[in-house]
Amino acid sequence: QQQGREITEAESQLMYDEKTRIFHSMPEAPIMPGILSLMEQIHAAG
């Protein structure tokens, strides 16, 4: 969209690796409120 060129998945992966590095340098995101109680209900129902 911005540079008008096609890149390979391998090149895109290298760029994504930098995004991943930055993400993992940040504080760990909290568990979403409500998800554990929801999973418990689903799990209990088999």
PDB file of all heavy atoms in Angstrom:
ATOM      1  N   GLN A   1       0.811  -1.209   0.000  1.00  0.00           N
ATOM      2  CA  GLN A   1       0.000   0.000   0.000  1.00  0.00           C
ATOM      3  C   GLN A   1       0.851   1.269   0.000  1.00  0.00           C
ATOM      4  O   GLN A   1       0.526   2.243  -0.682  1.00  0.00           O
ATOM      5  CB  GLN A   1      -0.923   0.014   1.227  1.00  0.00           C
ATOM      6  CG  GLN A   1      -2.064  -0.990   1.170  1.00  0.00           C
ATOM      7  CD  GLN A   1      -3.068  -0.673   0.070  1.00  0.00           C
ATOM      8  OE1 GLN A   1      -3.131  -1.361  -0.943  1.00  0.00           O
ATOM      9  NE2 GLN A   1      -3.843   0.369   0.267  1.00  0.00           N
ATOM     10  N   GLN A   2       1.933   1.274   0.762  1.00  0.00           N
ATOM     11  CA  GLN A   2       2.695   2.502   0.950  1.00  0.00           C
ATOM     12  C   GLN A   2       3.933   2.615   0.062  1.00  0.00           C
ATOM     13  O   GLN A   2       4.361   3.728  -0.250  1.00  0.00           O
ATOM     14  CB  GLN A   2       3.107   2.637   2.419  1.00  0.00           C
ATOM     15  CG  GLN A   2       1.916   2.810   3.348  1.00  0.00           C
ATOM     16  CD  GLN A   2       2.313   3.183   4.763  1.00  0.00           C
ATOM     17  OE1 GLN A   2       3.402   3.689   5.009  1.00  0.00           O
ATOM     18  NE2 GLN A   2       1.420   2.932   5.712  1.00  0.00           N
ATOM     19  N   GLN A   3       4.496   1.484  -0.325  1.00  0.00           N
ATOM     20  CA  GLN A   3       5.724   1.525  -1.125  1.00  0.00           C
ATOM     21  C   GLN A   3       5.537   0.946  -2.524  1.00  0.00           C
ATOM     22  O   GLN A   3       6.459   0.991  -3.337  1.00  0.00           O
ATOM     23  CB  GLN A   3       6.852   0.789  -0.387  1.00  0.00           C
ATOM     24  CG  GLN A   3       7.199   1.434   0.963  1.00  0.00           C
ATOM     25  CD  GLN A   3       8.340   0.738   1.677  1.00  0.00           C
ATOM     26  OE1 GLN A   3       8.812  -0.330   1.260  1.00  0.00           O
ATOM     27  NE2 GLN A   3       8.794   1.330   2.772  1.00  0.00           N
ATOM     28  N   GLY A   4       4.369   0.389  -2.779  1.00  0.00           N
ATOM     29  CA  GLY A   4       4.057  -0.097  -4.111  1.00  0.00           C
ATOM     30  C   GLY A   4       4.893  -1.268  -4.572  1.00  0.00           C
ATOM     31  O   GLY A   4       5.091  -1.457  -5.769  1.00  0.00           O
ATOM     32  N   ARG A   5       5.374  -2.069  -3.643  1.00  0.00           N
ATOM     33  CA  ARG A   5       6.201  -3.212  -4.029  1.00  0.00           C
ATOM     34  C   ARG A   5       5.763  -4.473  -3.285  1.00  0.00           C
ATOM     35  O   ARG A   5       5.200  -4.404  -2.196  1.00  0.00           O
ATOM     36  CB  ARG A   5       7.686  -2.934  -3.759  1.00  0.00           C
ATOM     37  CG  ARG A   5       8.040  -2.725  -2.297  1.00  0.00           C
ATOM     38  CD  ARG A   5       9.478  -2.240  -2.116  1.00  0.00           C
ATOM     39  NE  ARG A   5       9.824  -2.120  -0.705  1.00  0.00           N
ATOM     40  CZ  ARG A   5      10.458  -3.065  -0.006  1.00  0.00           C
ATOM     41  NH1 ARG A   5      10.816  -4.212  -0.596  1.00  0.00           N
ATOM     42  NH2 ARG A   5      10.751  -2.885   1.269  1.00  0.00           N
ATOM     43  N   GLU A   6       6.019  -5.574  -3.933  1.00  0.00           N
ATOM     44  CA  GLU A   6       5.743  -6.870  -3.325  1.00  0.00           C
ATOM     45  C   GLU A   6       6.995  -7.347  -2.601  1.00  0.00           C
ATOM     46  O   GLU A   6       8.103  -7.229  -3.119  1.00  0.00           O
ATOM     47  CB  GLU A   6       5.356  -7.895  -4.397  1.00  0.00           C
ATOM     48  CG  GLU A   6       4.113  -7.538  -5.202  1.00  0.00           C
ATOM     49  CD  GLU A   6       2.822  -7.853  -4.464  1.00  0.00           C
ATOM     50  OE1 GLU A   6       2.895  -8.417  -3.350  1.00  0.00           O
ATOM     51  OE2 GLU A   6       1.749  -7.518  -4.989  1.00  0.00           O
ATOM     52  N   ILE A   7       6.833  -7.860  -1.398  1.00  0.00           N
ATOM     53  CA  ILE A   7       7.971  -8.443  -0.697  1.00  0.00           C
ATOM     54  C   ILE A   7       7.659  -9.907  -0.403  1.00  0.00           C
ATOM     55  O   ILE A   7       6.503 -10.319  -0.344  1.00  0.00           O
ATOM     56  CB  ILE A   7       8.294  -7.694   0.609  1.00  0.00           C
ATOM     57  CG1 ILE A   7       7.122  -7.764   1.603  1.00  0.00           C
ATOM     58  CG2 ILE A   7       8.680  -6.248   0.322  1.00  0.00           C
ATOM     59  CD1 ILE A   7       7.456  -7.187   2.978  1.00  0.00           C
ATOM     60  N   THR A   8       8.697 -10.680  -0.225  1.00  0.00           N
ATOM     61  CA  THR A   8       8.529 -12.094   0.044  1.00  0.00           C
ATOM     62  C   THR A   8       8.107 -12.299   1.493  1.00  0.00           C
ATOM     63  O   THR A   8       8.260 -11.408   2.351  1.00  0.00           O
ATOM     64  CB  THR A   8       9.833 -12.863  -0.195  1.00  0.00           C
ATOM     65  OG1 THR A   8      10.811 -12.414   0.761  1.00  0.00           O
ATOM     66  CG2 THR A   8      10.351 -12.635  -1.611  1.00  0.00           C
ATOM     67  N   GLU A   9       7.588 -13.470   1.772  1.00  0.00           N
ATOM     68  CA  GLU A   9       7.225 -13.783   3.147  1.00  0.00           C
ATOM     69  C   GLU A   9       8.462 -13.790   4.035  1.00  0.00           C
ATOM     70  O   GLU A   9       8.404 -13.417   5.205  1.00  0.00           O
ATOM     71  CB  GLU A   9       6.500 -15.128   3.212  1.00  0.00           C
ATOM     72  CG  GLU A   9       5.952 -15.437   4.585  1.00  0.00           C
ATOM     73  CD  GLU A   9       4.828 -16.452   4.581  1.00  0.00           C
ATOM     74  OE1 GLU A   9       4.081 -16.537   3.593  1.00  0.00           O
ATOM     75  OE2 GLU A   9       4.677 -17.149   5.590  1.00  0.00           O
ATOM     76  N   ALA A  10       9.610 -14.202   3.473  1.00  0.00           N
ATOM     77  CA  ALA A  10      10.852 -14.229   4.250  1.00  0.00           C
ATOM     78  C   ALA A  10      11.260 -12.818   4.664  1.00  0.00           C
ATOM     79  O   ALA A  10      11.663 -12.580   5.815  1.00  0.00           O
ATOM     80  CB  ALA A  10      11.964 -14.895   3.438  1.00  0.00           C
ATOM     81  N   GLU A  11      11.167 -11.859   3.737  1.00  0.00           N
ATOM     82  CA  GLU A  11      11.500 -10.473   4.072  1.00  0.00           C
ATOM     83  C   GLU A  11      10.512  -9.921   5.092  1.00  0.00           C
ATOM     84  O   GLU A  11      10.897  -9.211   6.039  1.00  0.00           O
ATOM     85  CB  GLU A  11      11.496  -9.602   2.816  1.00  0.00           C
ATOM     86  CG  GLU A  11      11.907  -8.157   3.070  1.00  0.00           C
ATOM     87  CD  GLU A  11      11.906  -7.313   1.810  1.00  0.00           C
ATOM     88  OE1 GLU A  11      11.743  -7.866   0.703  1.00  0.00           O
ATOM     89  OE2 GLU A  11      12.075  -6.082   1.941  1.00  0.00           O
ATOM     90  N   SER A  12       9.238 -10.251   4.901  1.00  0.00           N
ATOM     91  CA  SER A  12       8.223  -9.810   5.844  1.00  0.00           C
ATOM     92  C   SER A  12       8.474 -10.392   7.234  1.00  0.00           C
ATOM     93  O   SER A  12       8.276  -9.722   8.250  1.00  0.00           O
ATOM     94  CB  SER A  12       6.834 -10.224   5.340  1.00  0.00           C
ATOM     95  OG  SER A  12       5.826  -9.820   6.218  1.00  0.00           O
ATOM     96  N   GLN A  13       8.944 -11.629   7.288  1.00  0.00           N
ATOM     97  CA  GLN A  13       9.228 -12.271   8.577  1.00  0.00           C
ATOM     98  C   GLN A  13      10.333 -11.543   9.321  1.00  0.00           C
ATOM     99  O   GLN A  13      10.271 -11.379  10.551  1.00  0.00           O
ATOM    100  CB  GLN A  13       9.605 -13.733   8.365  1.00  0.00           C
ATOM    101  CG  GLN A  13       9.860 -14.509   9.653  1.00  0.00           C
ATOM    102  CD  GLN A  13       8.622 -14.642  10.516  1.00  0.00           C
ATOM    103  OE1 GLN A  13       7.592 -15.118  10.054  1.00  0.00           O
ATOM    104  NE2 GLN A  13       8.711 -14.217  11.778  1.00  0.00           N
ATOM    105  N   LEU A  14      11.353 -11.070   8.595  1.00  0.00           N
ATOM    106  CA  LEU A  14      12.435 -10.316   9.230  1.00  0.00           C
ATOM    107  C   LEU A  14      11.898  -9.036   9.872  1.00  0.00           C
ATOM    108  O   LEU A  14      12.303  -8.654  10.974  1.00  0.00           O
ATOM    109  CB  LEU A  14      13.526  -9.986   8.213  1.00  0.00           C
ATOM    110  CG  LEU A  14      14.369 -11.159   7.722  1.00  0.00           C
ATOM    111  CD1 LEU A  14      15.321 -10.709   6.612  1.00  0.00           C
ATOM    112  CD2 LEU A  14      15.164 -11.776   8.874  1.00  0.00           C
ATOM    113  N   MET A  15      10.975  -8.368   9.192  1.00  0.00           N
ATOM    114  CA  MET A  15      10.362  -7.163   9.737  1.00  0.00           C
ATOM    115  C   MET A  15       9.474  -7.506  10.934  1.00  0.00           C
ATOM    116  O   MET A  15       9.453  -6.794  11.947  1.00  0.00           O
ATOM    117  CB  MET A  15       9.559  -6.447   8.649  1.00  0.00           C
ATOM    118  CG  MET A  15      10.415  -5.969   7.484  1.00  0.00           C
ATOM    119  SD  MET A  15       9.445  -5.435   6.042  1.00  0.00           S
ATOM    120  CE  MET A  15       8.693  -3.917   6.672  1.00  0.00           C
ATOM    121  N   TYR A  16       8.774  -8.623  10.830  1.00  0.00           N
ATOM    122  CA  TYR A  16       7.909  -9.049  11.926  1.00  0.00           C
ATOM    123  C   TYR A  16       8.722  -9.427  13.156  1.00  0.00           C
ATOM    124  O   TYR A  16       8.275  -9.224  14.295  1.00  0.00           O
ATOM    125  CB  TYR A  16       7.049 -10.228  11.468  1.00  0.00           C
ATOM    126  CG  TYR A  16       6.021 -10.669  12.487  1.00  0.00           C
ATOM    127  CD1 TYR A  16       5.031  -9.798  12.944  1.00  0.00           C
ATOM    128  CD2 TYR A  16       6.018 -11.972  12.978  1.00  0.00           C
ATOM    129  CE1 TYR A  16       4.087 -10.207  13.864  1.00  0.00           C
ATOM    130  CE2 TYR A  16       5.074 -12.390  13.907  1.00  0.00           C
ATOM    131  CZ  TYR A  16       4.117 -11.501  14.346  1.00  0.00           C
ATOM    132  OH  TYR A  16       3.177 -11.908  15.268  1.00  0.00           O
ATOM    133  N   ASP A  17       9.914  -9.954  12.937  1.00  0.00           N
ATOM    134  CA  ASP A  17      10.779 -10.302  14.065  1.00  0.00           C
ATOM    135  C   ASP A  17      11.105  -9.064  14.904  1.00  0.00           C
ATOM    136  O   ASP A  17      11.225  -9.151  16.133  1.00  0.00           O
ATOM    137  CB  ASP A  17      12.077 -10.942  13.564  1.00  0.00           C
ATOM    138  CG  ASP A  17      11.865 -12.351  13.031  1.00  0.00           C
ATOM    139  OD1 ASP A  17      10.793 -12.939  13.296  1.00  0.00           O
ATOM    140  OD2 ASP A  17      12.760 -12.858  12.333  1.00  0.00           O
ATOM    141  N   GLU A  18      11.269  -7.908  14.243  1.00  0.00           N
ATOM    142  CA  GLU A  18      11.529  -6.672  14.983  1.00  0.00           C
ATOM    143  C   GLU A  18      10.294  -6.255  15.774  1.00  0.00           C
ATOM    144  O   GLU A  18      10.403  -5.807  16.919  1.00  0.00           O
ATOM    145  CB  GLU A  18      11.936  -5.555  14.013  1.00  0.00           C
ATOM    146  CG  GLU A  18      12.142  -4.184  14.657  1.00  0.00           C
ATOM    147  CD  GLU A  18      13.227  -4.151  15.716  1.00  0.00           C
ATOM    148  OE1 GLU A  18      14.022  -5.114  15.821  1.00  0.00           O
ATOM    149  OE2 GLU A  18      13.299  -3.142  16.449  1.00  0.00           O
ATOM    150  N   LYS A  19       9.126  -6.395  15.178  1.00  0.00           N
ATOM    151  CA  LYS A  19       7.898  -6.102  15.918  1.00  0.00           C
ATOM    152  C   LYS A  19       7.786  -7.006  17.143  1.00  0.00           C
ATOM    153  O   LYS A  19       7.433  -6.564  18.239  1.00  0.00           O
ATOM    154  CB  LYS A  19       6.684  -6.285  14.990  1.00  0.00           C
ATOM    155  CG  LYS A  19       5.354  -5.934  15.640  1.00  0.00           C
ATOM    156  CD  LYS A  19       4.647  -7.157  16.196  1.00  0.00           C
ATOM    157  CE  LYS A  19       3.343  -6.790  16.888  1.00  0.00           C
ATOM    158  NZ  LYS A  19       2.637  -7.980  17.413  1.00  0.00           N
ATOM    159  N   THR A  20       8.119  -8.283  16.978  1.00  0.00           N
ATOM    160  CA  THR A  20       8.066  -9.240  18.075  1.00  0.00           C
ATOM    161  C   THR A  20       9.044  -8.858  19.181  1.00  0.00           C
ATOM    162  O   THR A  20       8.721  -8.939  20.375  1.00  0.00           O
ATOM    163  CB  THR A  20       8.382 -10.652  17.554  1.00  0.00           C
ATOM    164  OG1 THR A  20       7.414 -11.012  16.565  1.00  0.00           O
ATOM    165  CG2 THR A  20       8.366 -11.680  18.673  1.00  0.00           C
ATOM    166  N   ARG A  21      10.241  -8.438  18.790  1.00  0.00           N
ATOM    167  CA  ARG A  21      11.259  -8.049  19.777  1.00  0.00           C
ATOM    168  C   ARG A  21      10.752  -6.897  20.645  1.00  0.00           C
ATOM    169  O   ARG A  21      10.879  -6.920  21.876  1.00  0.00           O
ATOM    170  CB  ARG A  21      12.556  -7.641  19.072  1.00  0.00           C
ATOM    171  CG  ARG A  21      13.702  -7.311  20.033  1.00  0.00           C
ATOM    172  CD  ARG A  21      14.842  -6.625  19.317  1.00  0.00           C
ATOM    173  NE  ARG A  21      14.480  -5.283  18.861  1.00  0.00           N
ATOM    174  CZ  ARG A  21      14.421  -4.221  19.662  1.00  0.00           C
ATOM    175  NH1 ARG A  21      14.672  -4.329  20.950  1.00  0.00           N
ATOM    176  NH2 ARG A  21      14.085  -3.038  19.166  1.00  0.00           N
ATOM    177  N   ILE A  22      10.173  -5.888  20.006  1.00  0.00           N
ATOM    178  CA  ILE A  22       9.668  -4.740  20.748  1.00  0.00           C
ATOM    179  C   ILE A  22       8.512  -5.157  21.667  1.00  0.00           C
ATOM    180  O   ILE A  22       8.447  -4.756  22.837  1.00  0.00           O
ATOM    181  CB  ILE A  22       9.218  -3.626  19.786  1.00  0.00           C
ATOM    182  CG1 ILE A  22      10.440  -3.066  19.036  1.00  0.00           C
ATOM    183  CG2 ILE A  22       8.491  -2.516  20.535  1.00  0.00           C
ATOM    184  CD1 ILE A  22      10.091  -2.074  17.952  1.00  0.00           C
ATOM    185  N   PHE A  23       7.621  -5.989  21.151  1.00  0.00           N
ATOM    186  CA  PHE A  23       6.479  -6.436  21.955  1.00  0.00           C
ATOM    187  C   PHE A  23       6.941  -7.140  23.221  1.00  0.00           C
ATOM    188  O   PHE A  23       6.422  -6.885  24.317  1.00  0.00           O
ATOM    189  CB  PHE A  23       5.580  -7.355  21.130  1.00  0.00           C
ATOM    190  CG  PHE A  23       4.415  -7.918  21.904  1.00  0.00           C
ATOM    191  CD1 PHE A  23       3.274  -7.158  22.116  1.00  0.00           C
ATOM    192  CD2 PHE A  23       4.459  -9.209  22.420  1.00  0.00           C
ATOM    193  CE1 PHE A  23       2.194  -7.668  22.840  1.00  0.00           C
ATOM    194  CE2 PHE A  23       3.396  -9.727  23.146  1.00  0.00           C
ATOM    195  CZ  PHE A  23       2.258  -8.956  23.354  1.00  0.00           C
ATOM    196  N   HIS A  24       7.934  -8.005  23.098  1.00  0.00           N
ATOM    197  CA  HIS A  24       8.375  -8.782  24.255  1.00  0.00           C
ATOM    198  C   HIS A  24       9.275  -7.984  25.195  1.00  0.00           C
ATOM    199  O   HIS A  24       9.598  -8.468  26.283  1.00  0.00           O
ATOM    200  CB  HIS A  24       9.073 -10.059  23.787  1.00  0.00           C
ATOM    201  CG  HIS A  24       8.123 -11.093  23.258  1.00  0.00           C
ATOM    202  ND1 HIS A  24       7.189 -11.730  24.046  1.00  0.00           N
ATOM    203  CD2 HIS A  24       7.926 -11.576  22.006  1.00  0.00           C
ATOM    204  CE1 HIS A  24       6.477 -12.560  23.312  1.00  0.00           C
ATOM    205  NE2 HIS A  24       6.905 -12.491  22.066  1.00  0.00           N
ATOM    206  N   SER A  25       9.653  -6.785  24.794  1.00  0.00           N
ATOM    207  CA  SER A  25      10.406  -5.907  25.702  1.00  0.00           C
ATOM    208  C   SER A  25       9.467  -5.120  26.612  1.00  0.00           C
ATOM    209  O   SER A  25       9.913  -4.459  27.554  1.00  0.00           O
ATOM    210  CB  SER A  25      11.269  -4.929  24.896  1.00  0.00           C
ATOM    211  OG  SER A  25      10.464  -3.932  24.269  1.00  0.00           O
ATOM    212  N   MET A  26       8.176  -5.203  26.362  1.00  0.00           N
ATOM    213  CA  MET A  26       7.179  -4.456  27.118  1.00  0.00           C
ATOM    214  C   MET A  26       6.640  -5.303  28.270  1.00  0.00           C
ATOM    215  O   MET A  26       6.809  -6.524  28.293  1.00  0.00           O
ATOM    216  CB  MET A  26       6.049  -4.024  26.174  1.00  0.00           C
ATOM    217  CG  MET A  26       6.534  -3.196  24.997  1.00  0.00           C
ATOM    218  SD  MET A  26       5.252  -2.867  23.771  1.00  0.00           S
ATOM    219  CE  MET A  26       4.289  -1.660  24.671  1.00  0.00           C
ATOM    220  N   PRO A  27       6.009  -4.653  29.262  1.00  0.00           N
ATOM    221  CA  PRO A  27       5.431  -5.411  30.385  1.00  0.00           C
ATOM    222  C   PRO A  27       4.406  -6.436  29.894  1.00  0.00           C
ATOM    223  O   PRO A  27       3.692  -6.205  28.921  1.00  0.00           O
ATOM    224  CB  PRO A  27       4.754  -4.328  31.225  1.00  0.00           C
ATOM    225  CG  PRO A  27       5.476  -3.069  30.883  1.00  0.00           C
ATOM    226  CD  PRO A  27       5.851  -3.200  29.429  1.00  0.00           C
ATOM    227  N   GLU A  28       4.338  -7.564  30.581  1.00  0.00           N
ATOM    228  CA  GLU A  28       3.418  -8.628  30.197  1.00  0.00           C
ATOM    229  C   GLU A  28       1.977  -8.157  30.329  1.00  0.00           C
ATOM    230  O   GLU A  28       1.586  -7.583  31.346  1.00  0.00           O
ATOM    231  CB  GLU A  28       3.663  -9.855  31.080  1.00  0.00           C
ATOM    232  CG  GLU A  28       2.955 -11.107  30.623  1.00  0.00           C
ATOM    233  CD  GLU A  28       3.369 -12.319  31.428  1.00  0.00           C
ATOM    234  OE1 GLU A  28       2.981 -12.409  32.611  1.00  0.00           O
ATOM    235  OE2 GLU A  28       4.082 -13.178  30.890  1.00  0.00           O
ATOM    236  N   ALA A  29       1.188  -8.388  29.288  1.00  0.00           N
ATOM    237  CA  ALA A  29      -0.218  -7.971  29.294  1.00  0.00           C
ATOM    238  C   ALA A  29      -1.016  -8.823  30.275  1.00  0.00           C
ATOM    239  O   ALA A  29      -0.777 -10.027  30.404  1.00  0.00           O
ATOM    240  CB  ALA A  29      -0.805  -8.095  27.899  1.00  0.00           C
ATOM    241  N   PRO A  30      -1.980  -8.230  30.971  1.00  0.00           N
ATOM    242  CA  PRO A  30      -2.782  -8.994  31.934  1.00  0.00           C
ATOM    243  C   PRO A  30      -3.790  -9.910  31.258  1.00  0.00           C
ATOM    244  O   PRO A  30      -4.191  -9.687  30.110  1.00  0.00           O
ATOM    245  CB  PRO A  30      -3.497  -7.898  32.736  1.00  0.00           C
ATOM    246  CG  PRO A  30      -3.598  -6.745  31.787  1.00  0.00           C
ATOM    247  CD  PRO A  30      -2.348  -6.798  30.952  1.00  0.00           C
ATOM    248  N   ILE A  31      -4.182 -10.937  31.968  1.00  0.00           N
ATOM    249  CA  ILE A  31      -5.279 -11.804  31.517  1.00  0.00           C
ATOM    250  C   ILE A  31      -6.564 -10.972  31.462  1.00  0.00           C
ATOM    251  O   ILE A  31      -6.832 -10.154  32.333  1.00  0.00           O
ATOM    252  CB  ILE A  31      -5.451 -12.996  32.467  1.00  0.00           C
ATOM    253  CG1 ILE A  31      -4.214 -13.919  32.386  1.00  0.00           C
ATOM    254  CG2 ILE A  31      -6.713 -13.790  32.148  1.00  0.00           C
ATOM    255  CD1 ILE A  31      -4.221 -15.039  33.394  1.00  0.00           C
ATOM    256  N   MET A  32      -7.339 -11.176  30.425  1.00  0.00           N
ATOM    257  CA  MET A  32      -8.574 -10.409  30.248  1.00  0.00           C
ATOM    258  C   MET A  32      -9.572 -10.737  31.360  1.00  0.00           C
ATOM    259  O   MET A  32      -9.862 -11.922  31.601  1.00  0.00           O
ATOM    260  CB  MET A  32      -9.191 -10.730  28.884  1.00  0.00           C
ATOM    261  CG  MET A  32     -10.369  -9.840  28.523  1.00  0.00           C
ATOM    262  SD  MET A  32      -9.933  -8.110  28.286  1.00  0.00           S
ATOM    263  CE  MET A  32      -9.069  -8.182  26.699  1.00  0.00           C
ATOM    264  N   PRO A  33     -10.092  -9.734  32.057  1.00  0.00           N
ATOM    265  CA  PRO A  33     -11.092  -9.993  33.106  1.00  0.00           C
ATOM    266  C   PRO A  33     -12.298 -10.765  32.545  1.00  0.00           C
ATOM    267  O   PRO A  33     -12.830 -10.424  31.500  1.00  0.00           O
ATOM    268  CB  PRO A  33     -11.506  -8.581  33.555  1.00  0.00           C
ATOM    269  CG  PRO A  33     -10.323  -7.724  33.220  1.00  0.00           C
ATOM    270  CD  PRO A  33      -9.757  -8.306  31.949  1.00  0.00           C
ATOM    271  N   GLY A  34     -12.676 -11.806  33.246  1.00  0.00           N
ATOM    272  CA  GLY A  34     -13.844 -12.595  32.857  1.00  0.00           C
ATOM    273  C   GLY A  34     -13.524 -13.852  32.082  1.00  0.00           C
ATOM    274  O   GLY A  34     -14.359 -14.766  32.022  1.00  0.00           O
ATOM    275  N   ILE A  35     -12.319 -13.947  31.502  1.00  0.00           N
ATOM    276  CA  ILE A  35     -12.033 -15.094  30.627  1.00  0.00           C
ATOM    277  C   ILE A  35     -11.893 -16.388  31.428  1.00  0.00           C
ATOM    278  O   ILE A  35     -12.340 -17.459  30.974  1.00  0.00           O
ATOM    279  CB  ILE A  35     -10.781 -14.836  29.756  1.00  0.00           C
ATOM    280  CG1 ILE A  35     -10.606 -15.944  28.727  1.00  0.00           C
ATOM    281  CG2 ILE A  35      -9.533 -14.699  30.606  1.00  0.00           C
ATOM    282  CD1 ILE A  35     -11.710 -16.059  27.717  1.00  0.00           C
ATOM    283  N   LEU A  36     -11.306 -16.329  32.619  1.00  0.00           N
ATOM    284  CA  LEU A  36     -11.134 -17.557  33.389  1.00  0.00           C
ATOM    285  C   LEU A  36     -12.479 -18.106  33.869  1.00  0.00           C
ATOM    286  O   LEU A  36     -12.701 -19.325  33.821  1.00  0.00           O
ATOM    287  CB  LEU A  36     -10.201 -17.303  34.573  1.00  0.00           C
ATOM    288  CG  LEU A  36      -8.720 -17.142  34.210  1.00  0.00           C
ATOM    289  CD1 LEU A  36      -7.920 -16.680  35.426  1.00  0.00           C
ATOM    290  CD2 LEU A  36      -8.141 -18.449  33.670  1.00  0.00           C
ATOM    291  N   SER A  37     -13.370 -17.238  34.312  1.00  0.00           N
ATOM    292  CA  SER A  37     -14.689 -17.715  34.742  1.00  0.00           C
ATOM    293  C   SER A  37     -15.472 -18.285  33.570  1.00  0.00           C
ATOM    294  O   SER A  37     -16.225 -19.267  33.718  1.00  0.00           O
ATOM    295  CB  SER A  37     -15.476 -16.582  35.408  1.00  0.00           C
ATOM    296  OG  SER A  37     -15.681 -15.495  34.524  1.00  0.00           O
ATOM    297  N   LEU A  38     -15.300 -17.699  32.386  1.00  0.00           N
ATOM    298  CA  LEU A  38     -15.965 -18.224  31.195  1.00  0.00           C
ATOM    299  C   LEU A  38     -15.422 -19.591  30.834  1.00  0.00           C
ATOM    300  O   LEU A  38     -16.191 -20.541  30.583  1.00  0.00           O
ATOM    301  CB  LEU A  38     -15.778 -17.253  30.027  1.00  0.00           C
ATOM    302  CG  LEU A  38     -16.310 -17.706  28.665  1.00  0.00           C
ATOM    303  CD1 LEU A  38     -17.800 -18.016  28.738  1.00  0.00           C
ATOM    304  CD2 LEU A  38     -16.024 -16.645  27.602  1.00  0.00           C
ATOM    305  N   MET A  39     -14.104 -19.735  30.835  1.00  0.00           N
ATOM    306  CA  MET A  39     -13.507 -21.034  30.500  1.00  0.00           C
ATOM    307  C   MET A  39     -13.903 -22.099  31.503  1.00  0.00           C
ATOM    308  O   MET A  39     -14.113 -23.263  31.137  1.00  0.00           O
ATOM    309  CB  MET A  39     -11.991 -20.914  30.418  1.00  0.00           C
ATOM    310  CG  MET A  39     -11.478 -20.275  29.145  1.00  0.00           C
ATOM    311  SD  MET A  39      -9.716 -20.621  28.949  1.00  0.00           S
ATOM    312  CE  MET A  39      -9.407 -19.843  27.350  1.00  0.00           C
ATOM    313  N   GLU A  40     -14.018 -21.723  32.771  1.00  0.00           N
ATOM    314  CA  GLU A  40     -14.403 -22.695  33.792  1.00  0.00           C
ATOM    315  C   GLU A  40     -15.801 -23.247  33.508  1.00  0.00           C
ATOM    316  O   GLU A  40     -16.038 -24.458  33.638  1.00  0.00           O
ATOM    317  CB  GLU A  40     -14.356 -22.052  35.176  1.00  0.00           C
ATOM    318  CG  GLU A  40     -14.741 -22.986  36.318  1.00  0.00           C
ATOM    319  CD  GLU A  40     -13.861 -24.223  36.414  1.00  0.00           C
ATOM    320  OE1 GLU A  40     -12.637 -24.118  36.146  1.00  0.00           O
ATOM    321  OE2 GLU A  40     -14.390 -25.304  36.740  1.00  0.00           O
ATOM    322  N   GLN A  41     -16.719 -22.393  33.096  1.00  0.00           N
ATOM    323  CA  GLN A  41     -18.076 -22.844  32.758  1.00  0.00           C
ATOM    324  C   GLN A  41     -18.060 -23.782  31.550  1.00  0.00           C
ATOM    325  O   GLN A  41     -18.753 -24.802  31.535  1.00  0.00           O
ATOM    326  CB  GLN A  41     -18.956 -21.640  32.441  1.00  0.00           C
ATOM    327  CG  GLN A  41     -19.232 -20.727  33.610  1.00  0.00           C
ATOM    328  CD  GLN A  41     -20.103 -19.553  33.201  1.00  0.00           C
ATOM    329  OE1 GLN A  41     -21.306 -19.711  32.984  1.00  0.00           O
ATOM    330  NE2 GLN A  41     -19.504 -18.380  33.078  1.00  0.00           N
ATOM    331  N   ILE A  42     -17.278 -23.419  30.540  1.00  0.00           N
ATOM    332  CA  ILE A  42     -17.209 -24.231  29.326  1.00  0.00           C
ATOM    333  C   ILE A  42     -16.583 -25.586  29.629  1.00  0.00           C
ATOM    334  O   ILE A  42     -17.074 -26.643  29.215  1.00  0.00           O
ATOM    335  CB  ILE A  42     -16.418 -23.483  28.238  1.00  0.00           C
ATOM    336  CG1 ILE A  42     -17.163 -22.197  27.841  1.00  0.00           C
ATOM    337  CG2 ILE A  42     -16.177 -24.373  27.020  1.00  0.00           C
ATOM    338  CD1 ILE A  42     -16.344 -21.265  26.975  1.00  0.00           C
ATOM    339  N   HIS A  43     -15.492 -25.559  30.384  1.00  0.00           N
ATOM    340  CA  HIS A  43     -14.779 -26.789  30.755  1.00  0.00           C
ATOM    341  C   HIS A  43     -15.682 -27.703  31.591  1.00  0.00           C
ATOM    342  O   HIS A  43     -15.720 -28.925  31.370  1.00  0.00           O
ATOM    343  CB  HIS A  43     -13.518 -26.409  31.528  1.00  0.00           C
ATOM    344  CG  HIS A  43     -12.739 -27.575  32.043  1.00  0.00           C
ATOM    345  ND1 HIS A  43     -12.002 -28.409  31.225  1.00  0.00           N
ATOM    346  CD2 HIS A  43     -12.566 -28.053  33.303  1.00  0.00           C
ATOM    347  CE1 HIS A  43     -11.412 -29.338  31.947  1.00  0.00           C
ATOM    348  NE2 HIS A  43     -11.742 -29.153  33.208  1.00  0.00           N
ATOM    349  N   ALA A  44     -16.424 -27.117  32.540  1.00  0.00           N
ATOM    350  CA  ALA A  44     -17.295 -27.908  33.409  1.00  0.00           C
ATOM    351  C   ALA A  44     -18.407 -28.589  32.626  1.00  0.00           C
ATOM    352  O   ALA A  44     -18.915 -29.643  33.034  1.00  0.00           O
ATOM    353  CB  ALA A  44     -17.886 -27.013  34.499  1.00  0.00           C
ATOM    354  N   ALA A  45     -18.776 -28.007  31.482  1.00  0.00           N
ATOM    355  CA  ALA A  45     -19.821 -28.596  30.639  1.00  0.00           C
ATOM    356  C   ALA A  45     -19.272 -29.680  29.713  1.00  0.00           C
ATOM    357  O   ALA A  45     -20.030 -30.261  28.925  1.00  0.00           O
ATOM    358  CB  ALA A  45     -20.494 -27.502  29.818  1.00  0.00           C
ATOM    359  N   GLY A  46     -17.964 -29.946  29.794  1.00  0.00           N
ATOM    360  CA  GLY A  46     -17.369 -30.986  28.963  1.00  0.00           C
ATOM    361  C   GLY A  46     -17.120 -30.566  27.529  1.00  0.00           C
ATOM    362  O   GLY A  46     -16.992 -31.413  26.635  1.00  0.00           O
TER     363      GLY A  46
END
